[in-house]
Amino acid sequence: MGKMADKTSHTKMISGLTNKSFYGLIGLMLLQSSVTAQPEKSDPNSIIIVAADGSGNYKTIQGAINSLTDSSAVSRTLFIKKGIYAEKLYIEKAHIIFEGEDREKTIIVASIARDEWRCGHSDDWGVATMNVGANDITLKNLTITNSFGFDFTEKTIYCASDTSASKEKKLRKDGHQMALRTLNATRLKAVNCHFRSFGGDTVSPWEVDKGMWFFKDCVMEGGVDFYCPRGWAWAENCDFITHSGPAAIWHDGSRVEDSKTILVNCRFKGYDGFMLGRYHRDAQFYLINCSFANNMRDSAIYRVPTTNVIQWGHRVYYYNCHREGGKDFNWYSNNLPAKLNARDITVDWLFKKSWNPEIN
């Protein structure tokens, strides 16, 4: 089933959330202290209050989304009060601000294994906790969790698409588990959000031709390639936490030579021997003023063996990056392209002044 087939039932509550799962979500959160937010200034008529306890306009986020008109010339704000929202979200209406009251306590959670989802669906629409299919979506002060790996119990399913003769697939704790997935969207920003999964592809903004993505003051955690943008991406003052897998970050810039992923003032930590990044299509990485935990492996961002044609070579650049509490590795020595200064690497430079997510 594809995107259209799922539109008739978009709100899918997660039943049977155990006390262990509930308290595990809270206990596992590696969050910084935050100040309770107030709704962003906007047209009062465009602010909808969502409260799980029934004190707002809607008890569910999907219900609030469904109440909006399909199009709008201005952004509509959903102010989401503290609470656990056990929902899988489908966002197909543009110009929406999802603003949580408190990042630590405004939690959207669903449990989805991509391997299982794709056994019965032809694409990724519905594979994530938050599925975004519209432009100009803003996320603020939220925790978005795919809890499959955190709640994991061994499970074998029948999967018609599996290559084995038995058609049985054993789901893995560290398999692909998306908290955020875009499909047919080209602009999204997230500020002060926490994206969580145990497995791979936690944050998957995928649009290689025109995708523009902006993340600031966020925490991202997961397994292999858990931050994996396609197109043009900016991450600033973000924390990356690796639970498993051979790489934290990944990029696909294979369609347009100029596309790139930029990480500024970001911090990386994880299990002993975690690795920084990799790619298997044309990619372009810039890491500026980043810091790495002492237990990171001495292993540069690398190209995975692939039959894909790499058109533009190895493009991985560093400036003023350091290892905490240990000697720096040579592979992230300063190596910016000739005539490019670190001060010139800005949001405007990345997006060619076509989009300023800091003011829009």
Protein backbone atom coordinates (compact mmCIF):
# COMPACT_ATOMS: atom_id res chain seq x y z
CA MET A 1 0.00 0.00 0.00
CA GLY A 2 1.27 3.47 -0.84
CA LYS A 3 0.69 6.97 0.38
CA MET A 4 -2.90 7.42 -0.86
CA ALA A 5 -4.07 4.13 0.61
CA ASP A 6 -3.08 5.22 4.09
CA LYS A 7 -4.73 8.66 4.01
CA THR A 8 -8.09 7.32 5.29
CA SER A 9 -6.62 6.37 8.65
CA HIS A 10 -3.68 8.50 9.55
CA THR A 11 -3.89 8.58 13.34
CA LYS A 12 -2.54 5.26 14.60
CA MET A 13 -2.35 5.12 18.38
CA ILE A 14 0.15 2.73 19.94
CA SER A 15 -1.86 0.47 22.24
CA GLY A 16 -0.47 -1.45 25.17
CA LEU A 17 2.32 0.97 26.11
CA THR A 18 3.63 -0.74 29.23
CA ASN A 19 4.82 0.97 32.38
CA LYS A 20 8.28 -0.34 31.57
CA SER A 21 8.14 1.23 28.10
CA PHE A 22 6.76 4.50 29.48
CA TYR A 23 9.35 4.96 32.15
CA GLY A 24 12.05 3.61 29.85
CA LEU A 25 11.34 6.45 27.43
CA ILE A 26 11.85 8.98 30.18
CA GLY A 27 14.91 7.28 31.64
CA LEU A 28 16.65 6.89 28.30
CA MET A 29 16.28 10.53 27.31
CA LEU A 30 19.65 12.29 27.25
CA LEU A 31 18.29 15.78 27.45
CA GLN A 32 19.59 19.15 28.45
CA SER A 33 17.58 21.28 30.86
CA SER A 34 15.08 23.52 29.12
CA VAL A 35 12.74 26.38 29.93
CA THR A 36 9.01 25.92 29.45
CA ALA A 37 8.08 27.57 26.17
CA GLN A 38 5.20 29.85 25.33
CA PRO A 39 3.34 29.79 21.99
CA GLU A 40 5.18 31.60 19.21
CA LYS A 41 3.64 34.93 18.32
CA SER A 42 1.15 34.44 15.54
CA ASP A 43 -2.37 35.28 14.47
CA PRO A 44 -4.45 34.14 17.49
CA ASN A 45 -6.91 32.51 15.11
CA SER A 46 -4.14 30.30 13.73
CA ILE A 47 -2.97 28.85 17.09
CA ILE A 48 -4.44 25.50 18.08
CA ILE A 49 -3.77 24.02 21.50
CA VAL A 50 -3.15 20.27 21.69
CA ALA A 51 -3.29 18.67 25.14
CA ALA A 52 -3.34 14.97 25.87
CA ASP A 53 -5.29 15.64 29.09
CA GLY A 54 -8.17 17.23 27.19
CA SER A 55 -7.51 20.82 28.30
CA GLY A 56 -6.83 22.10 24.76
CA ASN A 57 -8.66 22.25 21.46
CA TYR A 58 -7.61 18.70 20.54
CA LYS A 59 -6.32 15.70 22.47
CA THR A 60 -4.29 14.33 19.54
CA ILE A 61 -1.81 16.01 17.23
CA GLN A 62 -3.21 14.25 14.16
CA GLY A 63 -6.68 15.48 15.04
CA ALA A 64 -5.36 19.05 15.10
CA ILE A 65 -3.60 18.55 11.76
CA ASN A 66 -6.77 17.17 10.20
CA SER A 67 -8.71 20.26 11.32
CA LEU A 68 -6.53 22.61 9.26
CA THR A 69 -7.36 23.77 5.75
CA ASP A 70 -5.29 22.11 3.04
CA SER A 71 -3.56 25.37 2.11
CA SER A 72 -2.66 28.61 3.84
CA ALA A 73 -0.67 31.72 3.00
CA VAL A 74 0.69 31.90 6.56
CA SER A 75 1.95 29.36 9.06
CA ARG A 76 -0.51 27.76 11.45
CA THR A 77 0.78 26.92 14.95
CA LEU A 78 -0.05 23.77 16.87
CA PHE A 79 1.06 24.43 20.44
CA ILE A 80 1.50 21.02 22.01
CA LYS A 81 1.31 20.83 25.77
CA LYS A 82 3.44 18.51 27.88
CA GLY A 83 2.46 14.87 27.58
CA ILE A 84 3.08 11.54 25.88
CA TYR A 85 1.47 11.47 22.44
CA ALA A 86 1.45 7.86 21.24
CA GLU A 87 0.80 8.68 17.60
CA LYS A 88 2.16 8.09 14.15
CA LEU A 89 1.82 11.44 12.37
CA TYR A 90 1.08 12.07 8.69
CA ILE A 91 1.71 15.68 7.66
CA GLU A 92 0.43 16.60 4.19
CA LYS A 93 -0.48 20.24 4.78
CA ALA A 94 2.14 22.96 4.36
CA HIS A 95 2.95 25.93 6.61
CA ILE A 96 2.57 24.32 10.03
CA ILE A 97 4.58 25.06 13.17
CA PHE A 98 4.63 22.19 15.67
CA GLU A 99 5.71 23.84 18.92
CA GLY A 100 6.08 21.82 22.09
CA GLU A 101 5.66 23.31 25.54
CA ASP A 102 8.81 21.62 26.88
CA ARG A 103 11.26 19.43 24.96
CA GLU A 104 11.79 17.10 27.90
CA LYS A 105 8.10 16.53 28.45
CA THR A 106 6.45 16.88 25.04
CA ILE A 107 7.01 13.45 23.55
CA ILE A 108 5.67 11.96 20.31
CA VAL A 109 6.29 8.21 20.14
CA ALA A 110 5.54 5.24 17.93
CA SER A 111 7.20 1.84 17.50
CA ILE A 112 7.91 0.95 13.85
CA ALA A 113 10.45 -1.33 12.20
CA ARG A 114 11.03 -0.27 8.62
CA ASP A 115 11.85 -3.87 7.67
CA GLU A 116 8.38 -4.92 8.78
CA TRP A 117 6.60 -1.93 7.25
CA ARG A 118 8.10 -2.53 3.81
CA CYS A 119 6.90 -6.13 3.80
CA GLY A 120 3.37 -4.81 3.32
CA HIS A 121 3.87 -1.39 1.74
CA SER A 122 5.43 -0.26 -1.51
CA ASP A 123 7.13 2.86 -0.16
CA ASP A 124 8.21 4.62 3.04
CA TRP A 125 5.07 6.68 3.56
CA GLY A 126 4.17 5.69 7.11
CA VAL A 127 7.52 4.20 8.08
CA ALA A 128 8.36 6.89 10.67
CA THR A 129 6.90 8.36 13.83
CA MET A 130 6.60 11.67 11.95
CA ASN A 131 5.96 11.37 8.20
CA VAL A 132 6.26 14.69 6.37
CA GLY A 133 4.90 15.16 2.88
CA ALA A 134 4.53 18.95 2.79
CA ASN A 135 6.80 22.00 2.73
CA ASP A 136 7.52 24.69 5.30
CA ILE A 137 7.13 22.50 8.35
CA THR A 138 8.73 23.78 11.57
CA LEU A 139 9.40 21.64 14.64
CA LYS A 140 10.22 23.23 18.01
CA ASN A 141 10.78 21.94 21.53
CA LEU A 142 9.74 18.35 20.81
CA THR A 143 11.03 14.84 21.42
CA ILE A 144 10.19 12.52 18.52
CA THR A 145 10.92 8.86 19.22
CA ASN A 146 10.74 5.62 17.30
CA SER A 147 10.82 3.27 20.27
CA PHE A 148 11.09 -0.05 18.40
CA GLY A 149 14.72 -0.69 19.37
CA PHE A 150 14.30 0.55 22.93
CA ASP A 151 11.27 -1.74 23.49
CA PHE A 152 12.73 -4.58 21.43
CA THR A 153 11.67 -8.20 21.79
CA GLU A 154 12.74 -10.82 19.25
CA LYS A 155 10.21 -11.21 16.46
CA THR A 156 10.07 -13.16 13.20
CA ILE A 157 7.50 -12.15 10.60
CA TYR A 158 6.24 -13.45 7.28
CA CYS A 159 7.45 -11.14 4.53
CA ALA A 160 6.46 -11.80 0.93
CA SER A 161 9.28 -9.56 -0.32
CA ASP A 162 11.97 -11.44 1.59
CA THR A 163 14.54 -13.25 -0.56
CA SER A 164 14.62 -16.42 1.56
CA ALA A 165 12.65 -19.47 0.53
CA SER A 166 10.65 -19.42 3.77
CA LYS A 167 9.78 -15.73 3.39
CA GLU A 168 10.52 -15.30 7.06
CA LYS A 169 12.31 -12.19 8.27
CA LYS A 170 13.83 -11.80 11.70
CA LEU A 171 13.56 -8.23 12.87
CA ARG A 172 16.67 -6.65 14.37
CA LYS A 173 16.98 -4.32 17.32
CA ASP A 174 19.38 -2.13 15.34
CA GLY A 175 17.49 -2.20 12.04
CA HIS A 176 16.15 0.90 10.30
CA GLN A 177 13.88 2.88 12.65
CA MET A 178 12.90 6.34 11.50
CA ALA A 179 11.72 9.05 13.87
CA LEU A 180 11.44 11.61 11.03
CA ARG A 181 10.99 10.80 7.33
CA THR A 182 10.15 13.21 4.54
CA LEU A 183 8.59 12.17 1.26
CA ASN A 184 7.90 14.72 -1.50
CA ALA A 185 8.88 17.61 0.77
CA THR A 186 11.73 20.04 0.13
CA ARG A 187 11.90 22.40 3.16
CA LEU A 188 11.85 21.59 6.86
CA LYS A 189 13.45 23.08 9.96
CA ALA A 190 13.79 21.82 13.52
CA VAL A 191 14.92 23.84 16.54
CA ASN A 192 15.57 22.43 20.03
CA CYS A 193 14.23 18.99 19.17
CA HIS A 194 15.33 15.49 20.20
CA PHE A 195 15.08 12.72 17.61
CA ARG A 196 15.49 9.24 19.07
CA SER A 197 15.79 5.68 17.91
CA PHE A 198 18.13 2.81 18.63
CA GLY A 199 18.59 1.79 15.00
CA GLY A 200 19.44 3.39 11.68
CA ASP A 201 18.06 6.34 9.69
CA THR A 202 16.55 8.15 12.68
CA VAL A 203 16.45 11.51 10.86
CA SER A 204 15.77 10.95 7.16
CA PRO A 205 15.03 14.14 5.20
CA TRP A 206 15.18 12.63 1.72
CA GLU A 207 14.90 14.78 -1.38
CA VAL A 208 18.11 14.69 -3.35
CA ASP A 209 17.11 17.17 -6.09
CA LYS A 210 15.81 20.15 -4.09
CA GLY A 211 15.83 19.19 -0.42
CA MET A 212 16.74 21.96 2.05
CA TRP A 213 16.93 21.01 5.74
CA PHE A 214 17.80 23.06 8.83
CA PHE A 215 18.50 21.72 12.33
CA LYS A 216 19.61 23.83 15.29
CA ASP A 217 20.14 23.01 18.98
CA CYS A 218 18.92 19.45 18.42
CA VAL A 219 19.86 16.04 19.78
CA MET A 220 19.91 13.09 17.39
CA GLU A 221 20.57 9.50 18.37
CA GLY A 222 20.42 6.12 16.73
CA GLY A 223 22.34 3.47 14.82
CA VAL A 224 23.92 3.38 11.38
CA ASP A 225 23.51 6.58 9.31
CA PHE A 226 21.07 7.97 11.87
CA TYR A 227 21.46 11.47 10.41
CA CYS A 228 21.17 10.94 6.67
CA PRO A 229 20.03 14.00 4.72
CA ARG A 230 19.84 14.17 0.94
CA GLY A 231 20.34 17.47 -0.84
CA TRP A 232 21.36 20.54 1.20
CA ALA A 233 21.44 20.28 5.00
CA TRP A 234 22.53 22.53 7.87
CA ALA A 235 23.03 21.27 11.46
CA GLU A 236 24.22 23.74 14.11
CA ASN A 237 24.97 23.21 17.80
CA CYS A 238 23.61 19.67 17.68
CA ASP A 239 24.51 16.55 19.67
CA PHE A 240 24.89 13.22 17.89
CA ILE A 241 24.75 10.01 19.96
CA THR A 242 25.63 6.70 18.32
CA HIS A 243 24.14 3.51 19.80
CA SER A 244 25.26 1.01 17.16
CA GLY A 245 26.44 0.63 13.59
CA PRO A 246 29.46 1.64 11.47
CA ALA A 247 28.68 5.36 11.00
CA ALA A 248 26.72 8.21 12.60
CA ILE A 249 26.25 10.58 9.64
CA TRP A 250 25.67 10.05 5.92
CA HIS A 251 24.90 12.25 2.93
CA ASP A 252 23.52 11.87 -0.58
CA GLY A 253 24.44 14.73 -2.91
CA SER A 254 24.48 12.65 -6.07
CA ARG A 255 22.05 14.65 -8.20
CA VAL A 256 23.46 18.18 -7.97
CA GLU A 257 27.19 18.85 -7.60
CA ASP A 258 26.66 21.81 -5.28
CA SER A 259 24.55 19.95 -2.69
CA LYS A 260 26.21 19.42 0.69
CA THR A 261 25.72 18.70 4.37
CA ILE A 262 27.20 21.20 6.84
CA LEU A 263 27.68 20.59 10.56
CA VAL A 264 28.75 23.56 12.69
CA ASN A 265 29.61 23.48 16.41
CA CYS A 266 28.31 19.93 16.70
CA ARG A 267 29.33 17.24 19.18
CA PHE A 268 29.67 13.51 18.61
CA LYS A 269 29.71 10.69 21.15
CA GLY A 270 28.67 7.05 21.35
CA TYR A 271 29.67 3.52 22.15
CA ASP A 272 33.39 2.70 22.40
CA GLY A 273 34.84 2.75 18.91
CA PHE A 274 31.92 4.48 17.20
CA MET A 275 32.69 5.88 13.74
CA LEU A 276 31.87 9.30 12.41
CA GLY A 277 30.44 8.88 8.93
CA ARG A 278 30.29 7.26 5.50
CA TYR A 279 28.70 7.54 2.06
CA HIS A 280 27.99 5.33 -0.93
CA ARG A 281 26.71 7.96 -3.37
CA ASP A 282 28.26 11.29 -4.23
CA ALA A 283 28.41 13.31 -1.03
CA GLN A 284 29.90 16.53 0.29
CA PHE A 285 30.58 17.00 4.01
CA TYR A 286 31.70 20.12 5.90
CA LEU A 287 32.44 19.83 9.63
CA ILE A 288 33.25 23.18 11.24
CA ASN A 289 34.24 23.66 14.91
CA CYS A 290 33.02 20.18 15.81
CA SER A 291 34.13 18.08 18.78
CA PHE A 292 34.51 14.31 19.05
CA ALA A 293 34.40 12.13 22.14
CA ASN A 294 37.67 10.57 23.19
CA ASN A 295 36.38 7.05 22.46
CA MET A 296 35.65 7.71 18.76
CA ARG A 297 37.55 5.35 16.46
CA ASP A 298 40.46 6.65 14.46
CA SER A 299 38.51 6.24 11.23
CA ALA A 300 37.74 9.00 8.75
CA ILE A 301 34.44 9.49 6.96
CA TYR A 302 34.71 6.82 4.31
CA ARG A 303 33.23 5.60 1.06
CA VAL A 304 31.40 2.29 1.28
CA PRO A 305 32.40 -0.17 -1.47
CA THR A 306 29.76 0.34 -4.12
CA THR A 307 29.04 -0.01 -7.81
CA ASN A 308 27.68 3.56 -7.83
CA VAL A 309 29.66 5.95 -9.99
CA ILE A 310 31.20 8.69 -7.83
CA GLN A 311 31.25 11.68 -10.18
CA TRP A 312 32.90 14.36 -8.05
CA GLY A 313 35.41 12.50 -5.93
CA HIS A 314 35.99 12.41 -2.18
CA ARG A 315 34.64 15.70 -0.78
CA VAL A 316 35.00 15.70 3.01
CA TYR A 317 36.18 18.93 4.63
CA TYR A 318 37.07 19.89 8.21
CA TYR A 319 37.95 23.08 10.04
CA ASN A 320 38.92 23.51 13.69
CA CYS A 321 37.61 20.14 14.83
CA HIS A 322 39.02 18.50 17.97
CA ARG A 323 38.90 15.36 20.06
CA GLU A 324 37.88 15.81 23.67
CA GLY A 325 40.50 14.68 26.17
CA GLY A 326 42.79 13.11 23.59
CA LYS A 327 45.20 13.73 20.77
CA ASP A 328 43.61 14.85 17.53
CA PHE A 329 43.60 12.47 14.59
CA ASN A 330 45.31 13.68 11.42
CA TRP A 331 42.39 12.92 9.12
CA TYR A 332 40.29 15.83 10.38
CA SER A 333 43.03 18.44 10.05
CA ASN A 334 41.95 21.70 8.41
CA ASN A 335 41.45 21.09 4.69
CA LEU A 336 38.83 23.53 3.38
CA PRO A 337 38.85 24.04 -0.40
CA ALA A 338 41.16 26.74 -1.68
CA LYS A 339 39.82 30.30 -1.35
CA LEU A 340 37.02 29.20 1.02
CA ASN A 341 37.18 30.70 4.53
CA ALA A 342 35.33 29.15 7.45
CA ARG A 343 33.56 32.47 8.11
CA ASP A 344 32.02 32.29 4.65
CA ILE A 345 30.27 29.00 5.43
CA THR A 346 26.83 30.31 6.40
CA VAL A 347 23.18 29.41 5.95
CA ASP A 348 22.94 31.92 3.09
CA TRP A 349 25.98 30.35 1.40
CA LEU A 350 24.51 26.86 1.71
CA PHE A 351 21.04 27.70 0.41
CA LYS A 352 22.20 30.35 -2.09
CA LYS A 353 19.91 32.89 -0.39
CA SER A 354 16.90 30.98 -1.71
CA TRP A 355 15.63 30.20 1.82
CA ASN A 356 16.43 31.71 5.20
CA PRO A 357 15.05 29.32 7.84
CA GLU A 358 16.28 31.58 10.64
CA ILE A 359 13.67 34.21 9.85
CA ASN A 360 10.96 32.43 7.84
